[in-house]
N, C-alpha and C. Protein backbone atom coordinates (compact mmCIF):
# COMPACT_ATOMS: atom_id res chain seq x y z
N MET A 1 100.89 132.71 124.87
CA MET A 1 100.39 131.59 125.27
C MET A 1 100.98 131.01 126.28
N PHE A 2 99.93 130.49 127.16
CA PHE A 2 100.16 129.86 128.22
C PHE A 2 100.99 128.52 128.46
N ILE A 3 101.81 128.25 129.10
CA ILE A 3 102.61 127.01 129.02
C ILE A 3 101.95 125.92 128.94
N GLU A 4 100.86 125.40 129.61
CA GLU A 4 99.81 124.33 129.46
C GLU A 4 99.16 124.44 127.94
N LYS A 5 98.89 125.54 127.41
CA LYS A 5 98.42 125.28 126.02
C LYS A 5 99.55 124.85 124.97
N ALA A 6 100.59 125.43 125.20
CA ALA A 6 101.82 125.07 124.26
C ALA A 6 102.17 123.85 124.28
N ILE A 7 102.32 123.19 125.46
CA ILE A 7 102.32 121.81 125.74
C ILE A 7 100.98 120.72 125.20
N LEU A 8 100.14 121.43 125.45
CA LEU A 8 98.90 120.68 124.72
C LEU A 8 98.87 120.48 123.22
N LEU A 9 99.42 121.93 122.70
CA LEU A 9 99.39 121.84 121.58
C LEU A 9 100.76 121.18 120.77
N ALA A 10 101.80 121.11 121.45
CA ALA A 10 102.71 120.13 120.86
C ALA A 10 102.66 119.07 121.32
N TYR A 11 101.65 118.14 122.07
CA TYR A 11 101.29 116.91 122.44
C TYR A 11 100.26 116.53 120.81
N ALA A 12 99.31 117.27 120.65
CA ALA A 12 98.62 117.15 119.72
C ALA A 12 99.16 117.12 118.46
N VAL A 13 100.30 118.12 118.00
CA VAL A 13 100.84 118.05 116.93
C VAL A 13 101.65 116.85 116.74
N THR A 14 102.16 116.52 117.95
CA THR A 14 103.22 115.21 117.98
C THR A 14 102.15 114.11 117.28
N ILE A 15 101.11 113.66 117.98
CA ILE A 15 100.37 112.59 117.87
C ILE A 15 99.75 112.77 116.40
N ILE A 16 99.13 113.92 116.04
CA ILE A 16 98.54 113.65 114.74
C ILE A 16 99.67 113.36 113.68
N SER A 17 100.68 114.29 113.59
CA SER A 17 101.68 114.38 112.35
C SER A 17 102.33 112.81 112.63
N GLU A 18 102.89 112.27 113.76
CA GLU A 18 103.64 111.07 113.81
C GLU A 18 102.71 109.84 113.33
N THR A 19 101.47 109.94 113.89
CA THR A 19 100.43 108.79 113.65
C THR A 19 100.20 108.87 112.01
N ALA A 20 100.18 109.82 111.44
CA ALA A 20 99.89 110.21 110.12
C ALA A 20 101.06 109.41 109.40
N ILE A 21 102.31 110.09 109.62
CA ILE A 21 103.32 109.96 108.38
C ILE A 21 103.54 108.42 108.76
N ILE A 22 103.84 107.68 109.84
CA ILE A 22 104.17 106.49 110.22
C ILE A 22 103.08 105.42 109.54
N ILE A 23 101.87 105.82 109.68
CA ILE A 23 100.61 104.95 108.65
C ILE A 23 100.89 105.16 107.43
N VAL A 24 101.25 106.27 106.72
CA VAL A 24 101.70 106.72 105.28
C VAL A 24 102.67 105.48 105.12
N ILE A 25 103.71 105.84 105.74
CA ILE A 25 104.77 104.73 105.50
C ILE A 25 104.95 103.62 105.47
N GLN A 26 104.39 102.98 106.62
CA GLN A 26 104.01 101.57 106.95
C GLN A 26 102.84 100.69 106.16
N LYS A 27 101.90 101.51 106.03
CA LYS A 27 100.63 100.94 105.42
C LYS A 27 100.01 99.61 106.07
N PRO A 28 99.89 99.54 107.43
CA PRO A 28 99.97 98.28 108.24
C PRO A 28 98.43 97.65 107.88
N LYS A 29 98.56 96.36 107.95
CA LYS A 29 97.08 95.66 107.86
C LYS A 29 96.42 95.76 109.20
N LYS A 30 97.15 95.98 110.68
CA LYS A 30 96.18 96.16 111.50
C LYS A 30 96.30 97.49 111.88
N LEU A 31 95.45 98.54 111.09
CA LEU A 31 95.71 99.75 111.32
C LEU A 31 95.65 100.54 112.85
N TRP A 32 94.42 99.70 113.21
CA TRP A 32 93.93 100.34 114.88
C TRP A 32 95.01 99.77 115.78
N GLN A 33 95.82 98.72 115.74
CA GLN A 33 96.86 98.58 116.48
C GLN A 33 98.04 99.11 116.30
N TRP A 34 98.16 99.55 115.30
CA TRP A 34 99.12 100.57 114.98
C TRP A 34 99.06 101.84 115.46
N ILE A 35 97.89 102.34 115.12
CA ILE A 35 97.51 103.84 115.79
C ILE A 35 97.41 103.79 117.29
N PHE A 36 97.10 102.55 118.02
CA PHE A 36 97.22 102.59 119.54
C PHE A 36 98.64 102.73 119.96
N GLY A 37 99.39 101.91 119.36
CA GLY A 37 100.65 101.73 119.76
C GLY A 37 101.56 103.06 119.64
N ILE A 38 101.20 103.63 118.44
CA ILE A 38 101.85 104.99 117.94
C ILE A 38 101.36 106.02 119.02
N VAL A 39 100.18 106.39 119.34
CA VAL A 39 99.65 107.32 120.34
C VAL A 39 100.26 106.65 121.48
N LEU A 40 100.28 105.40 122.17
CA LEU A 40 100.76 105.07 123.38
C LEU A 40 102.28 105.47 123.58
N ILE A 41 103.10 105.02 122.59
CA ILE A 41 104.44 105.31 122.38
C ILE A 41 104.89 106.77 122.89
N ASN A 42 103.75 107.81 122.09
CA ASN A 42 104.38 109.01 122.05
C ASN A 42 103.74 109.64 123.27
N SER A 43 102.73 109.17 123.83
CA SER A 43 102.08 109.55 124.96
C SER A 43 103.07 109.02 126.16
N LEU A 44 103.85 108.36 126.00
CA LEU A 44 105.30 108.01 127.28
C LEU A 44 106.23 108.87 126.96
N THR A 45 106.87 109.15 125.72
CA THR A 45 107.97 109.98 125.53
C THR A 45 107.69 111.51 125.64
N HIS A 46 106.36 112.03 125.14
CA HIS A 46 106.31 113.48 125.49
C HIS A 46 106.39 113.82 126.75
N PRO A 47 105.83 113.46 127.75
CA PRO A 47 106.09 113.94 129.05
C PRO A 47 107.47 114.02 129.46
N ILE A 48 108.18 112.88 129.01
CA ILE A 48 109.72 113.00 129.32
C ILE A 48 110.15 113.95 128.73
N ALA A 49 109.99 114.19 127.37
CA ALA A 49 110.59 115.36 126.57
C ALA A 49 110.39 116.86 127.32
N ILE A 50 109.18 117.12 127.62
CA ILE A 50 108.45 118.10 128.27
C ILE A 50 109.18 118.05 129.82
N TYR A 51 109.30 117.44 130.64
CA TYR A 51 109.95 117.57 131.83
C TYR A 51 111.42 117.86 131.48
N PHE A 52 111.93 117.14 130.44
CA PHE A 52 113.66 117.77 130.41
C PHE A 52 113.78 118.68 129.96
N LEU A 53 112.79 119.34 128.93
CA LEU A 53 112.76 120.57 128.14
C LEU A 53 112.67 121.62 129.18
N TYR A 54 111.54 121.57 130.08
CA TYR A 54 110.89 122.88 130.46
C TYR A 54 111.68 122.81 132.28
N ILE A 55 111.80 121.75 132.67
CA ILE A 55 112.02 121.63 134.02
C ILE A 55 113.45 121.54 134.15
N GLN A 56 114.10 120.73 133.51
CA GLN A 56 115.45 120.55 133.63
C GLN A 56 116.53 121.58 132.84
N ASN A 57 115.62 122.10 131.89
CA ASN A 57 116.29 123.07 130.55
C ASN A 57 117.28 122.22 129.89
N ALA A 58 117.12 121.18 129.67
CA ALA A 58 117.98 120.39 128.75
C ALA A 58 118.31 121.10 127.48
N PRO A 59 119.18 120.77 126.43
CA PRO A 59 119.36 121.51 125.25
C PRO A 59 118.42 120.46 124.18
N TYR A 60 117.64 121.01 123.32
CA TYR A 60 116.63 120.81 122.84
C TYR A 60 117.15 119.56 121.87
N ILE A 61 118.14 119.78 121.31
CA ILE A 61 118.65 118.63 120.47
C ILE A 61 119.29 117.29 121.24
N PHE A 62 119.40 117.09 122.47
CA PHE A 62 119.85 116.42 123.47
C PHE A 62 118.21 115.55 123.72
N ILE A 63 117.30 116.30 123.93
CA ILE A 63 116.17 115.93 124.04
C ILE A 63 115.36 114.96 122.92
N GLU A 64 115.62 115.49 121.61
CA GLU A 64 115.06 114.86 120.81
C GLU A 64 115.85 113.87 120.33
N LEU A 65 116.96 113.67 120.38
CA LEU A 65 117.93 112.69 120.09
C LEU A 65 117.40 111.35 121.26
N GLY A 66 117.14 111.83 122.61
CA GLY A 66 116.92 110.53 123.39
C GLY A 66 115.37 109.93 122.96
N VAL A 67 114.52 111.10 122.49
CA VAL A 67 113.06 110.66 122.14
C VAL A 67 113.20 109.71 121.03
N PHE A 68 113.77 110.17 120.28
CA PHE A 68 114.34 109.29 118.96
C PHE A 68 114.80 108.01 119.38
N ILE A 69 115.79 107.74 120.13
CA ILE A 69 115.92 106.47 120.34
C ILE A 69 114.84 105.57 121.27
N LEU A 70 114.34 106.32 122.29
CA LEU A 70 113.62 105.70 122.92
C LEU A 70 112.21 105.16 122.07
N GLU A 71 111.81 105.96 121.11
CA GLU A 71 110.65 105.71 120.13
C GLU A 71 111.26 104.53 119.23
N ALA A 72 112.58 104.66 118.77
CA ALA A 72 113.09 103.44 117.96
C ALA A 72 112.60 102.24 118.56
N MET A 73 113.12 102.11 120.06
CA MET A 73 113.38 101.01 120.73
C MET A 73 112.09 100.32 121.05
N TRP A 74 111.16 101.31 121.30
CA TRP A 74 109.75 101.12 121.46
C TRP A 74 108.80 100.52 120.37
N TYR A 75 109.11 101.06 118.97
CA TYR A 75 108.57 100.88 117.84
C TYR A 75 108.97 99.14 117.35
N ASN A 76 110.18 98.83 117.67
CA ASN A 76 110.79 97.74 117.44
C ASN A 76 110.27 96.46 118.33
N LEU A 77 110.09 96.76 119.72
CA LEU A 77 109.34 96.04 120.48
C LEU A 77 107.86 95.77 120.18
N ALA A 78 107.44 96.89 119.90
CA ALA A 78 105.48 96.80 119.97
C ALA A 78 105.46 96.35 118.27
N PHE A 79 105.98 96.59 117.26
CA PHE A 79 105.75 96.06 116.28
C PHE A 79 106.74 94.91 115.63
N GLN A 80 107.71 94.61 116.04
CA GLN A 80 108.31 93.56 115.59
C GLN A 80 108.61 94.00 113.92
N VAL A 81 109.21 95.02 113.76
CA VAL A 81 109.79 95.44 112.42
C VAL A 81 111.22 95.53 112.35
N GLY A 82 111.85 94.96 113.03
CA GLY A 82 113.48 95.11 112.96
C GLY A 82 114.19 96.61 113.49
N TRP A 83 115.25 96.25 114.04
CA TRP A 83 115.90 97.49 114.29
C TRP A 83 116.05 98.64 113.11
N LYS A 84 116.57 98.23 112.02
CA LYS A 84 116.78 99.11 111.17
C LYS A 84 115.37 100.06 110.72
N LYS A 85 114.42 99.27 110.47
CA LYS A 85 113.07 99.76 109.99
C LYS A 85 112.74 100.51 111.27
N SER A 86 112.71 100.18 112.47
CA SER A 86 112.24 101.06 113.81
C SER A 86 112.96 102.28 113.62
N ILE A 87 114.54 102.33 113.57
CA ILE A 87 115.11 103.47 113.57
C ILE A 87 114.89 104.46 112.35
N VAL A 88 114.45 104.00 111.06
CA VAL A 88 113.89 104.86 110.18
C VAL A 88 112.66 105.23 110.55
N ILE A 89 111.99 104.65 110.97
CA ILE A 89 110.26 105.05 111.20
C ILE A 89 110.55 106.13 112.47
N SER A 90 111.18 105.97 113.34
CA SER A 90 111.42 106.91 114.52
C SER A 90 111.99 108.11 113.78
N ALA A 91 113.37 108.18 113.04
CA ALA A 91 113.87 109.30 112.41
C ALA A 91 112.88 110.24 111.77
N ILE A 92 112.17 109.42 110.81
CA ILE A 92 111.35 110.06 109.82
C ILE A 92 110.00 110.65 110.84
N ALA A 93 109.43 109.94 111.38
CA ALA A 93 108.24 110.58 112.34
C ALA A 93 109.00 111.91 113.07
N ASN A 94 109.93 111.55 113.80
CA ASN A 94 110.59 113.01 114.64
C ASN A 94 110.58 114.14 113.85
N ILE A 95 111.33 113.91 112.84
CA ILE A 95 111.74 114.88 111.70
C ILE A 95 110.57 115.63 111.20
N PHE A 96 109.36 114.66 110.89
CA PHE A 96 108.00 115.28 110.51
C PHE A 96 107.46 116.10 111.42
N SER A 97 107.65 115.58 112.53
CA SER A 97 106.86 116.28 113.69
C SER A 97 106.99 117.49 114.08
N ILE A 98 108.74 117.49 113.94
CA ILE A 98 109.43 118.99 114.03
C ILE A 98 108.75 120.03 113.05
N LEU A 99 109.04 119.32 111.95
CA LEU A 99 108.64 120.26 110.56
C LEU A 99 107.23 120.67 110.85
N PHE A 100 106.18 119.68 110.89
CA PHE A 100 105.07 120.14 111.06
C PHE A 100 104.65 120.99 112.10
N GLY A 101 105.31 120.94 113.45
CA GLY A 101 105.01 121.83 114.49
C GLY A 101 105.85 123.19 114.04
N ILE A 102 106.97 123.41 113.63
CA ILE A 102 107.60 124.66 112.93
C ILE A 102 106.32 125.38 111.89
N GLY A 103 105.84 124.48 111.05
CA GLY A 103 104.70 124.94 110.33
C GLY A 103 103.74 125.72 110.90
N ILE A 104 103.05 124.74 111.87
CA ILE A 104 101.86 125.28 112.72
C ILE A 104 102.28 126.52 113.37
N ARG A 105 103.44 126.64 113.98
CA ARG A 105 103.87 127.80 114.69
C ARG A 105 103.75 128.89 113.82
N PHE A 106 104.56 128.91 112.56
CA PHE A 106 104.78 129.78 111.54
C PHE A 106 103.17 130.51 111.19
N LEU A 107 102.68 129.34 110.72
CA LEU A 107 101.09 129.56 110.13
C LEU A 107 100.15 130.47 110.75
N PHE A 108 100.21 130.00 112.20
CA PHE A 108 99.26 130.92 113.21
C PHE A 108 100.01 131.52 114.13
N ASP A 109 101.14 131.96 113.44
CA ASP A 109 101.90 133.05 114.45
C ASP A 109 101.84 132.87 116.03
N LEU A 110 102.46 131.54 116.34
CA LEU A 110 102.33 131.22 117.69
C LEU A 110 103.98 131.53 118.26
């Protein structure tokens, strides 16, 4: 698979899985506001992760930890849910995204 396709697939998996799990967890009243925020936040962190992963060859675990921290901060700022809840949301969303991505790769032999 070309690197561009792999990056786009990873981005799509991230957006779909993280948006879905956060909406299920939060059950927000302002659904579209949350969807927009989640997509925007992930659209900011994903290129950063790709840069450090493919250009800087940084260890995957450190990249995920950085993304988790950045997203937790931005979820707290964007949705005013408090630090504890934003950390939980970010952790669950990122773990779910990783597992979903592994499942997609396994299912389609990518």
